[in-house]
Amino acid sequence: MTDIDIETLSVRIRQSLGCSKDLAADYAKGIGNPPEIIHGKILVRDAEGRIVARVPDSVLA
């Protein structure tokens, strides 16, 4: 991932999606390094590798 820390990424995800703090933190942790970006969306995967969410790639900027 870029030099954005998990906390900053979590805040950006929360602002972008309007979700809870805990969910945003889980999403931030589920973004790979490097992030998988398809059609402007970052894939968020769970521990088993399944896609659980897609967030806008603008959260990385």
C-alpha atoms as a PDB file:
ATOM      1  CA  MET A   1       0.000   0.000   0.000  1.00  0.00           C
ATOM      2  CA  THR A   2       1.084   3.602  -0.211  1.00  0.00           C
ATOM      3  CA  ASP A   3       2.465   5.445   2.779  1.00  0.00           C
ATOM      4  CA  ILE A   4      -1.055   5.984   4.206  1.00  0.00           C
ATOM      5  CA  ASP A   5      -1.391   4.408   7.639  1.00  0.00           C
ATOM      6  CA  ILE A   6      -4.343   2.211   8.567  1.00  0.00           C
ATOM      7  CA  GLU A   7      -5.931   4.857  10.810  1.00  0.00           C
ATOM      8  CA  THR A   8      -5.903   7.517   8.072  1.00  0.00           C
ATOM      9  CA  LEU A   9      -7.228   5.044   5.542  1.00  0.00           C
ATOM     10  CA  SER A  10      -9.976   4.026   7.956  1.00  0.00           C
ATOM     11  CA  VAL A  11     -11.067   7.653   8.393  1.00  0.00           C
ATOM     12  CA  ARG A  12     -11.113   8.192   4.624  1.00  0.00           C
ATOM     13  CA  ILE A  13     -13.168   5.030   4.081  1.00  0.00           C
ATOM     14  CA  ARG A  14     -15.614   6.096   6.782  1.00  0.00           C
ATOM     15  CA  GLN A  15     -16.028   9.541   5.212  1.00  0.00           C
ATOM     16  CA  SER A  16     -16.436   8.077   1.740  1.00  0.00           C
ATOM     17  CA  LEU A  17     -18.916   5.323   2.596  1.00  0.00           C
ATOM     18  CA  GLY A  18     -20.623   6.791   5.650  1.00  0.00           C
ATOM     19  CA  CYS A  19     -20.126   3.531   7.543  1.00  0.00           C
ATOM     20  CA  SER A  20     -19.244   2.861  11.165  1.00  0.00           C
ATOM     21  CA  LYS A  21     -15.766   3.350  12.576  1.00  0.00           C
ATOM     22  CA  ASP A  22     -15.361  -0.390  13.209  1.00  0.00           C
ATOM     23  CA  LEU A  23     -16.460  -1.385   9.718  1.00  0.00           C
ATOM     24  CA  ALA A  24     -14.162   1.207   8.136  1.00  0.00           C
ATOM     25  CA  ALA A  25     -11.251  -0.151  10.225  1.00  0.00           C
ATOM     26  CA  ASP A  26     -12.036  -3.711   9.089  1.00  0.00           C
ATOM     27  CA  TYR A  27     -12.140  -2.564   5.467  1.00  0.00           C
ATOM     28  CA  ALA A  28      -8.818  -0.732   5.837  1.00  0.00           C
ATOM     29  CA  LYS A  29      -7.226  -3.917   7.176  1.00  0.00           C
ATOM     30  CA  GLY A  30      -8.709  -5.933   4.305  1.00  0.00           C
ATOM     31  CA  ILE A  31      -7.028  -3.875   1.605  1.00  0.00           C
ATOM     32  CA  GLY A  32      -3.996  -5.675   0.229  1.00  0.00           C
ATOM     33  CA  ASN A  33      -0.500  -4.411  -0.378  1.00  0.00           C
ATOM     34  CA  PRO A  34      -0.476  -3.379  -3.157  1.00  0.00           C
ATOM     35  CA  PRO A  35      -4.200  -2.670  -3.307  1.00  0.00           C
ATOM     36  CA  GLU A  36      -6.248  -4.441  -5.979  1.00  0.00           C
ATOM     37  CA  ILE A  37      -8.002  -1.752  -8.002  1.00  0.00           C
ATOM     38  CA  ILE A  38     -10.580  -2.630 -10.646  1.00  0.00           C
ATOM     39  CA  HIS A  39     -12.621   0.034 -12.449  1.00  0.00           C
ATOM     40  CA  GLY A  40     -11.769   2.688  -9.857  1.00  0.00           C
ATOM     41  CA  LYS A  41     -12.708   0.527  -6.865  1.00  0.00           C
ATOM     42  CA  ILE A  42     -10.362  -1.056  -4.316  1.00  0.00           C
ATOM     43  CA  LEU A  43     -11.203  -4.658  -3.513  1.00  0.00           C
ATOM     44  CA  VAL A  44     -11.487  -5.465   0.191  1.00  0.00           C
ATOM     45  CA  ARG A  45     -10.958  -9.128   1.058  1.00  0.00           C
ATOM     46  CA  ASP A  46     -11.624 -11.141   4.188  1.00  0.00           C
ATOM     47  CA  ALA A  47      -9.184 -13.599   5.800  1.00  0.00           C
ATOM     48  CA  GLU A  48     -10.259 -16.341   3.361  1.00  0.00           C
ATOM     49  CA  GLY A  49      -9.626 -14.091   0.354  1.00  0.00           C
ATOM     50  CA  ARG A  50     -13.269 -13.466  -0.536  1.00  0.00           C
ATOM     51  CA  ILE A  51     -14.235  -9.991  -1.726  1.00  0.00           C
ATOM     52  CA  VAL A  52     -16.379  -8.396   0.993  1.00  0.00           C
ATOM     53  CA  ALA A  53     -16.487  -4.813  -0.260  1.00  0.00           C
ATOM     54  CA  ARG A  54     -15.339  -2.341  -2.869  1.00  0.00           C
ATOM     55  CA  VAL A  55     -14.312   1.179  -1.886  1.00  0.00           C
ATOM     56  CA  PRO A  56     -13.491   4.135  -4.155  1.00  0.00           C
ATOM     57  CA  ASP A  57      -9.798   4.411  -5.036  1.00  0.00           C
ATOM     58  CA  SER A  58     -10.002   8.077  -4.059  1.00  0.00           C
ATOM     59  CA  VAL A  59      -9.464   7.022  -0.422  1.00  0.00           C
ATOM     60  CA  LEU A  60      -5.808   6.427  -1.321  1.00  0.00           C
ATOM     61  CA  ALA A  61      -5.242   9.965  -2.621  1.00  0.00           C
END
